[in-house]
Amino acid sequence: MTTKHGGIRLAKRLDEVGFSDIVQIRNKVMGMRAGGAQVHALHGGEPFFETPQRIKYAAIAALVENQTHYPPSSGLLPLRQALVEKLARKNGIAVSTDEVITTVGGSQGLYAAFQSVLDPGDDALVFSPHWTPIGDLVTGAQARPLLVPTATARRNGIRKTLEQFSTRKTRVIYYNTPQNPSGVVFTRAEAEEVAAFARERDLIVIADEAYEDLVYDGEHISIASLPGMLERTITSYTFSKTYAMTGWRAGYAVAREPFMTALRKIVLYSTNGLATPVQYAMMEALKTPDAEIAARREEYRKRRDLLVGALNEVGLECEVPAGAFYAFPNVEKIHKKSRTAAQILLEKAHIATVPGAVFGAQGEGHLRFGYAIPVKEIEDCIEALRKFFA
């Protein structure tokens, strides 16, 4: 049924917004396993360990104690106080409880950030290859993502490269460190270059620090901690990676006004806040000793070194990632097109990966291998790789 006004249709702002290729790969893997095939699953992005028991018990206790009512849409005050303390101690960011808001995972924080600051026709500089949803988050705000090759920027100079890709409509820089999918960790000097460019051009930075606790080489620098940056930065965090809480959808965002008012509106009129028991679990997670987080980081380092060493051994050139839990080798030895290379590897070696092309044009020719899995599974994958290239 149609009308002279256009009939039944979707909002036009969704025309350029797609679905994740990773979901399609996951479905393919599930189908192969259902058919009895063994699949080496390196396509995922979940921690290798389960949510610690004490965190789960904190949520259970909250349920038993009837902490099941509406929380403040910005988050429980004790949780926001704990987050303020964490931000000061670990990130060098000094804020008040009114400058922190809980979100349904880091994803909602990023969605709210882009919706808060981008108008139709604006441009956003995005270091690329980039996490797959970012392009859609930008286009969903009716803006345009301008993909800035990270490798080129690091080779030729961050500011020089940003200048080359910037336009008069540029309003935002998306800044992710450690990066998904490449594992790149921006240095302090590089962060300062981004910050200087943002200040000079009066740009807003949307910082994604999902992997803040997974830096093996170098240090994690929160760009909002640099001089003159807190007032122009919205930073998104998640509990998913550090605490193995992917399914809990626990995150938070940090910003000053006028951004915080906008973030509050978007959270209020979308989810009206984060589930109350989840917030009690978050408070318990924040009590995790630094030594425990460091020990898990070393477990990831072992997995990284094992996988990257094997990739280079079979001729898939791979730089050692400084952070996150992904390897991003060049796979043109298999096929120049990453989607074809991924399909070949899945069908012939039963190794599931993610095509680099889904992370932006700069990812073409690469595959993302996730090593946040048990060591035995990595060893089995390595054996399958050796047989494939034999």
Protein backbone atom coordinates (compact mmCIF):
# COMPACT_ATOMS: atom_id res chain seq x y z
CA MET A 1 0.00 0.00 0.00
CA THR A 2 1.39 3.41 -0.93
CA THR A 3 0.33 7.00 -0.62
CA LYS A 4 1.15 10.12 -2.54
CA HIS A 5 3.53 10.99 0.30
CA GLY A 6 5.78 7.98 -0.30
CA GLY A 7 3.95 5.13 1.34
CA ILE A 8 5.46 2.54 3.65
CA ARG A 9 9.24 2.89 3.67
CA LEU A 10 12.21 3.18 5.99
CA ALA A 11 13.75 6.46 7.01
CA LYS A 12 16.22 7.53 4.32
CA ARG A 13 19.01 7.96 6.86
CA LEU A 14 19.17 4.14 7.06
CA ASP A 15 19.75 3.66 3.33
CA GLU A 16 23.53 3.54 3.67
CA VAL A 17 23.60 1.66 6.98
CA GLY A 18 24.38 -2.04 6.66
CA PHE A 19 24.79 -5.12 8.83
CA SER A 20 28.02 -6.59 10.14
CA ASP A 21 29.86 -9.09 7.93
CA ILE A 22 31.14 -10.66 11.14
CA VAL A 23 27.62 -11.82 12.01
CA GLN A 24 27.37 -13.53 8.63
CA ILE A 25 30.71 -15.27 9.21
CA ARG A 26 29.55 -16.39 12.66
CA ASN A 27 26.41 -17.89 11.11
CA LYS A 28 28.51 -19.75 8.51
CA VAL A 29 30.71 -21.20 11.25
CA MET A 30 27.67 -22.31 13.24
CA GLY A 31 26.27 -24.01 10.16
CA MET A 32 29.53 -25.88 9.49
CA ARG A 33 29.73 -27.03 13.09
CA ALA A 34 26.11 -28.14 13.04
CA GLY A 35 27.07 -30.30 10.07
CA GLY A 36 29.79 -31.97 12.10
CA ALA A 37 32.82 -30.06 10.82
CA GLN A 38 35.61 -28.88 13.11
CA VAL A 39 36.18 -25.16 12.66
CA HIS A 40 39.07 -23.19 14.10
CA ALA A 41 37.23 -20.06 15.21
CA LEU A 42 39.57 -17.06 15.04
CA HIS A 43 36.90 -14.66 13.81
CA GLY A 44 35.57 -13.61 17.19
CA GLY A 45 36.32 -10.78 19.57
CA GLU A 46 35.54 -12.17 23.01
CA PRO A 47 37.97 -12.74 25.90
CA PHE A 48 39.29 -16.27 26.43
CA PHE A 49 38.09 -16.42 30.06
CA GLU A 50 34.63 -16.32 31.61
CA THR A 51 33.25 -13.48 33.72
CA PRO A 52 34.87 -13.90 37.17
CA GLN A 53 32.62 -15.52 39.76
CA ARG A 54 32.62 -12.61 42.22
CA ILE A 55 31.31 -10.29 39.50
CA LYS A 56 28.48 -12.70 38.71
CA TYR A 57 27.67 -13.11 42.39
CA ALA A 58 27.44 -9.33 42.76
CA ALA A 59 24.67 -9.29 40.16
CA ILE A 60 22.93 -12.23 41.81
CA ALA A 61 23.11 -10.53 45.20
CA ALA A 62 21.58 -7.39 43.69
CA LEU A 63 18.67 -9.45 42.35
CA VAL A 64 18.12 -11.20 45.69
CA GLU A 65 18.20 -7.86 47.49
CA ASN A 66 15.54 -6.52 45.09
CA GLN A 67 17.85 -4.06 43.37
CA THR A 68 15.60 -4.43 40.35
CA HIS A 69 13.96 -1.02 40.09
CA TYR A 70 14.60 1.85 37.70
CA PRO A 71 18.06 3.29 38.24
CA PRO A 72 18.93 6.89 37.36
CA SER A 73 19.24 6.92 33.57
CA SER A 74 22.81 8.24 33.91
CA GLY A 75 23.80 5.42 36.27
CA LEU A 76 23.86 4.68 39.99
CA LEU A 77 25.77 7.31 41.94
CA PRO A 78 28.10 4.82 43.73
CA LEU A 79 29.07 3.36 40.35
CA ARG A 80 29.75 6.76 38.84
CA GLN A 81 31.85 7.64 41.90
CA ALA A 82 33.89 4.47 41.40
CA LEU A 83 34.32 5.32 37.71
CA VAL A 84 35.51 8.83 38.57
CA GLU A 85 38.17 7.30 40.83
CA LYS A 86 39.22 4.82 38.13
CA LEU A 87 39.47 7.54 35.48
CA ALA A 88 41.70 9.68 37.70
CA ARG A 89 43.93 6.77 38.68
CA LYS A 90 44.29 4.91 35.38
CA ASN A 91 43.53 7.42 32.65
CA GLY A 92 44.69 10.73 34.06
CA ILE A 93 41.22 12.18 33.46
CA ALA A 94 39.79 14.36 36.25
CA VAL A 95 36.00 14.59 36.07
CA SER A 96 32.97 14.80 38.36
CA THR A 97 30.18 12.25 38.66
CA ASP A 98 28.03 14.51 36.47
CA GLU A 99 30.54 14.02 33.65
CA VAL A 100 30.20 10.22 33.56
CA ILE A 101 27.24 8.28 32.16
CA THR A 102 26.66 4.52 32.04
CA THR A 103 25.79 3.03 28.66
CA VAL A 104 24.62 -0.25 27.21
CA GLY A 105 28.11 -1.33 26.24
CA GLY A 106 30.72 0.81 24.57
CA SER A 107 28.61 0.65 21.41
CA GLN A 108 25.85 2.83 22.85
CA GLY A 109 28.44 5.33 24.03
CA LEU A 110 29.85 5.62 20.51
CA TYR A 111 26.38 5.78 18.94
CA ALA A 112 25.36 8.53 21.34
CA ALA A 113 28.60 10.42 20.72
CA PHE A 114 28.22 10.50 16.94
CA GLN A 115 24.52 11.38 17.18
CA SER A 116 25.34 14.18 19.62
CA VAL A 117 27.86 16.06 17.49
CA LEU A 118 27.32 15.24 13.80
CA ASP A 119 24.83 17.07 11.61
CA PRO A 120 23.76 15.99 8.11
CA GLY A 121 26.54 16.87 5.68
CA ASP A 122 29.33 16.88 8.28
CA ASP A 123 32.55 14.90 7.80
CA ALA A 124 34.32 12.68 10.33
CA LEU A 125 37.97 11.68 10.09
CA VAL A 126 38.30 7.97 10.84
CA PHE A 127 41.66 6.23 11.20
CA SER A 128 41.47 3.10 9.06
CA PRO A 129 41.33 0.12 9.05
CA HIS A 130 38.65 0.65 11.68
CA TRP A 131 36.16 -1.32 13.78
CA THR A 132 33.39 -2.30 11.37
CA PRO A 133 30.39 -0.40 12.86
CA ILE A 134 32.13 2.99 12.86
CA GLY A 135 31.40 3.81 9.24
CA ASP A 136 27.74 2.96 9.75
CA LEU A 137 27.56 4.99 12.97
CA VAL A 138 28.80 8.00 11.03
CA THR A 139 26.53 7.51 8.03
CA GLY A 140 23.63 6.82 10.40
CA ALA A 141 24.10 10.39 11.60
CA GLN A 142 23.85 11.45 7.93
CA ALA A 143 27.50 12.42 7.92
CA ARG A 144 30.43 11.15 5.84
CA PRO A 145 33.36 9.07 7.13
CA LEU A 146 36.71 10.16 5.70
CA LEU A 147 39.05 7.18 6.00
CA VAL A 148 42.56 8.16 7.07
CA PRO A 149 45.11 5.36 6.46
CA THR A 150 46.76 4.72 9.83
CA ALA A 151 49.89 3.27 8.24
CA THR A 152 50.31 6.35 6.03
CA ALA A 153 49.72 8.68 8.96
CA ARG A 154 52.34 6.94 11.10
CA ARG A 155 54.82 6.93 8.23
CA ASN A 156 54.30 10.47 6.91
CA GLY A 157 53.19 12.22 10.10
CA ILE A 158 49.83 12.25 11.84
CA ARG A 159 49.06 15.95 11.47
CA LYS A 160 50.27 16.13 7.87
CA THR A 161 48.01 13.21 6.93
CA LEU A 162 45.01 14.56 8.82
CA GLU A 163 45.46 17.86 6.96
CA GLN A 164 45.43 16.03 3.63
CA PHE A 165 42.17 14.22 4.36
CA SER A 166 40.34 16.98 6.20
CA THR A 167 37.69 19.15 4.56
CA ARG A 168 35.98 22.38 5.52
CA LYS A 169 33.04 20.24 6.70
CA THR A 170 35.16 18.13 9.04
CA ARG A 171 33.80 18.26 12.57
CA VAL A 172 34.98 15.06 14.28
CA ILE A 173 38.00 12.78 14.62
CA TYR A 174 37.34 9.16 15.60
CA TYR A 175 40.37 8.08 17.64
CA ASN A 176 40.75 4.41 18.63
CA THR A 177 43.73 3.04 20.55
CA PRO A 178 44.56 0.17 20.80
CA GLN A 179 43.02 -0.33 17.39
CA ASN A 180 40.68 -3.03 16.20
CA PRO A 181 41.58 -4.79 13.87
CA SER A 182 45.28 -3.99 13.55
CA GLY A 183 46.38 -3.85 17.19
CA VAL A 184 48.12 -0.49 16.59
CA VAL A 185 48.76 1.51 19.76
CA PHE A 186 49.25 5.22 19.20
CA THR A 187 52.24 6.63 21.07
CA ARG A 188 52.08 9.67 23.33
CA ALA A 189 53.74 11.75 20.61
CA GLU A 190 51.13 10.61 18.07
CA ALA A 191 48.29 11.34 20.49
CA GLU A 192 49.70 14.82 20.99
CA GLU A 193 49.73 15.35 17.20
CA VAL A 194 46.06 14.39 16.97
CA ALA A 195 45.28 16.65 19.92
CA ALA A 196 47.15 19.61 18.42
CA PHE A 197 45.28 19.19 15.13
CA ALA A 198 41.92 19.01 16.93
CA ARG A 199 42.65 22.14 18.93
CA GLU A 200 43.83 24.13 15.92
CA ARG A 201 40.84 23.14 13.76
CA ASP A 202 38.36 23.31 16.68
CA LEU A 203 37.36 19.67 16.16
CA ILE A 204 35.68 17.20 18.49
CA VAL A 205 37.42 13.90 19.26
CA ILE A 206 35.42 10.73 19.84
CA ALA A 207 37.82 8.41 21.63
CA ASP A 208 37.25 4.64 21.74
CA GLU A 209 39.26 2.98 24.52
CA ALA A 210 37.70 -0.49 24.54
CA TYR A 211 41.10 -2.20 24.75
CA GLU A 212 42.74 0.17 27.23
CA ASP A 213 44.00 -2.69 29.43
CA LEU A 214 45.42 -4.72 26.55
CA VAL A 215 48.62 -2.89 25.67
CA TYR A 216 51.70 -5.12 25.44
CA ASP A 217 54.24 -2.71 23.98
CA GLY A 218 54.25 0.96 24.93
CA GLU A 219 51.62 2.66 27.07
CA HIS A 220 47.95 3.53 26.83
CA ILE A 221 47.35 7.27 26.55
CA SER A 222 43.85 8.64 26.98
CA ILE A 223 43.69 11.59 24.62
CA ALA A 224 41.26 13.41 26.94
CA SER A 225 44.07 13.59 29.53
CA LEU A 226 46.17 15.84 27.28
CA PRO A 227 46.11 19.63 27.74
CA GLY A 228 43.02 21.31 26.32
CA MET A 229 41.40 18.03 25.26
CA LEU A 230 38.90 17.07 27.96
CA GLU A 231 36.52 19.85 26.93
CA ARG A 232 36.50 18.67 23.29
CA THR A 233 36.57 14.88 23.75
CA ILE A 234 33.87 12.26 24.28
CA THR A 235 35.46 9.03 25.47
CA SER A 236 33.72 5.65 25.31
CA TYR A 237 34.70 2.71 27.53
CA THR A 238 33.48 -0.85 27.96
CA PHE A 239 33.77 -3.61 30.57
CA SER A 240 33.59 -6.23 27.80
CA LYS A 241 37.28 -6.84 27.16
CA THR A 242 38.98 -6.26 30.51
CA TYR A 243 36.49 -8.21 32.59
CA ALA A 244 35.05 -10.69 30.03
CA MET A 245 31.62 -9.07 30.27
CA THR A 246 30.67 -8.91 26.58
CA GLY A 247 27.11 -10.14 27.09
CA TRP A 248 26.48 -7.89 30.08
CA ARG A 249 26.49 -4.81 27.81
CA ALA A 250 28.29 -2.72 30.41
CA GLY A 251 29.91 0.53 29.34
CA TYR A 252 30.23 4.20 30.11
CA ALA A 253 31.10 7.49 28.47
CA VAL A 254 32.97 10.53 29.75
CA ALA A 255 32.40 14.08 28.56
CA ARG A 256 31.91 17.65 29.67
CA GLU A 257 29.13 20.00 28.70
CA PRO A 258 27.57 20.59 26.29
CA PHE A 259 28.19 17.00 25.23
CA MET A 260 26.94 15.35 28.43
CA THR A 261 23.46 16.83 28.12
CA ALA A 262 23.19 15.37 24.62
CA LEU A 263 24.46 11.96 25.75
CA ARG A 264 21.90 11.94 28.57
CA LYS A 265 19.08 12.68 26.14
CA ILE A 266 20.06 9.86 23.79
CA VAL A 267 20.44 7.33 26.60
CA LEU A 268 17.19 8.47 28.23
CA TYR A 269 15.12 8.15 25.08
CA SER A 270 16.65 4.91 23.84
CA THR A 271 17.30 2.57 26.79
CA ASN A 272 16.51 4.82 29.77
CA GLY A 273 19.69 3.57 31.37
CA LEU A 274 21.55 0.37 32.12
CA ALA A 275 20.05 -2.64 33.93
CA THR A 276 20.38 -2.19 37.71
CA PRO A 277 21.95 -5.61 38.52
CA VAL A 278 24.54 -5.05 35.78
CA GLN A 279 25.61 -1.84 37.49
CA TYR A 280 26.24 -3.72 40.74
CA ALA A 281 28.36 -6.20 38.79
CA MET A 282 30.32 -3.26 37.33
CA MET A 283 31.03 -1.92 40.81
CA GLU A 284 32.46 -5.29 41.79
CA ALA A 285 34.50 -5.52 38.58
CA LEU A 286 36.16 -2.18 39.35
CA LYS A 287 37.60 -3.75 42.52
CA THR A 288 39.69 -6.16 40.42
CA PRO A 289 43.37 -5.87 41.46
CA ASP A 290 45.72 -4.47 38.82
CA ALA A 291 47.86 -7.60 39.23
CA GLU A 292 44.95 -9.77 38.06
CA ILE A 293 44.43 -7.63 34.96
CA ALA A 294 48.18 -7.71 34.26
CA ALA A 295 48.26 -11.51 34.57
CA ARG A 296 45.52 -11.87 31.98
CA ARG A 297 47.35 -9.44 29.72
CA GLU A 298 50.38 -11.73 29.85
CA GLU A 299 48.15 -14.65 28.84
CA TYR A 300 47.12 -12.67 25.78
CA ARG A 301 50.76 -11.82 25.05
CA LYS A 302 51.61 -15.54 24.96
CA ARG A 303 48.78 -16.18 22.54
CA ARG A 304 49.82 -13.22 20.39
CA ASP A 305 53.42 -14.37 20.13
CA LEU A 306 52.39 -17.95 19.33
CA LEU A 307 49.98 -16.97 16.54
CA VAL A 308 52.02 -14.15 14.98
CA GLY A 309 55.14 -16.32 14.93
CA ALA A 310 53.25 -19.04 13.06
CA LEU A 311 51.68 -16.61 10.58
CA ASN A 312 55.07 -15.25 9.61
CA GLU A 313 56.48 -18.77 9.48
CA VAL A 314 53.98 -19.83 6.76
CA GLY A 315 54.56 -16.63 4.80
CA LEU A 316 51.63 -14.49 5.92
CA GLU A 317 53.53 -11.33 6.77
CA CYS A 318 52.27 -9.93 10.06
CA GLU A 319 53.51 -7.09 12.21
CA VAL A 320 53.45 -7.80 15.93
CA PRO A 321 50.35 -6.01 17.28
CA ALA A 322 51.14 -3.75 20.25
CA GLY A 323 47.64 -4.04 21.72
CA ALA A 324 44.11 -5.53 21.58
CA PHE A 325 43.83 -9.25 20.74
CA TYR A 326 43.93 -9.47 16.97
CA ALA A 327 46.59 -10.25 14.36
CA PHE A 328 46.15 -8.63 10.94
CA PRO A 329 48.45 -10.33 8.43
CA ASN A 330 48.78 -9.67 4.73
CA VAL A 331 47.16 -12.67 3.01
CA GLU A 332 47.63 -11.82 -0.67
CA LYS A 333 49.62 -15.07 -0.82
CA ILE A 334 46.23 -16.79 -0.57
CA HIS A 335 44.25 -14.30 -2.66
CA LYS A 336 44.43 -10.56 -3.31
CA LYS A 337 40.79 -10.11 -2.28
CA SER A 338 40.36 -10.58 1.44
CA ARG A 339 36.81 -11.92 1.20
CA THR A 340 37.98 -14.61 -1.20
CA ALA A 341 41.00 -15.38 0.97
CA ALA A 342 38.76 -15.77 4.01
CA GLN A 343 36.42 -18.08 2.11
CA ILE A 344 39.31 -20.23 0.87
CA LEU A 345 40.79 -20.52 4.34
CA LEU A 346 37.42 -21.42 5.85
CA GLU A 347 36.48 -24.00 3.23
CA LYS A 348 39.89 -25.67 2.80
CA ALA A 349 41.52 -25.29 6.22
CA HIS A 350 38.40 -24.75 8.34
CA ILE A 351 39.93 -21.57 9.79
CA ALA A 352 37.40 -18.79 10.37
CA THR A 353 38.74 -15.24 10.07
CA VAL A 354 37.35 -11.83 9.15
CA PRO A 355 38.10 -10.25 5.74
CA GLY A 356 40.13 -7.07 6.05
CA ALA A 357 37.89 -5.29 3.55
CA VAL A 358 35.09 -5.04 6.13
CA PHE A 359 37.33 -2.74 8.19
CA GLY A 360 37.61 -0.18 5.40
CA ALA A 361 39.51 -0.05 2.10
CA GLN A 362 42.80 0.10 4.00
CA GLY A 363 42.16 -3.41 5.32
CA GLU A 364 41.99 -5.04 1.90
CA GLY A 365 44.54 -7.80 1.39
CA HIS A 366 44.50 -8.70 5.09
CA LEU A 367 42.55 -11.00 7.40
CA ARG A 368 41.80 -10.49 11.07
CA PHE A 369 42.75 -13.42 13.29
CA GLY A 370 41.45 -13.16 16.85
CA TYR A 371 43.67 -14.80 19.46
CA ALA A 372 41.40 -14.37 22.49
CA ILE A 373 40.88 -18.13 22.56
CA PRO A 374 42.42 -21.09 24.42
CA VAL A 375 46.06 -21.85 23.56
CA LYS A 376 45.10 -25.35 22.36
CA GLU A 377 42.77 -23.83 19.76
CA ILE A 378 45.56 -21.58 18.51
CA GLU A 379 47.87 -24.59 18.27
CA ASP A 380 45.24 -26.50 16.29
CA CYS A 381 44.85 -23.53 13.96
CA ILE A 382 48.60 -23.36 13.45
CA GLU A 383 48.68 -27.04 12.53
CA ALA A 384 45.86 -26.45 10.02
CA LEU A 385 47.76 -23.50 8.54
CA ARG A 386 50.90 -25.57 8.11
CA LYS A 387 48.96 -28.31 6.34
CA PHE A 388 47.24 -25.73 4.13
CA PHE A 389 50.56 -24.26 2.98
CA ALA A 390 52.43 -27.57 2.79
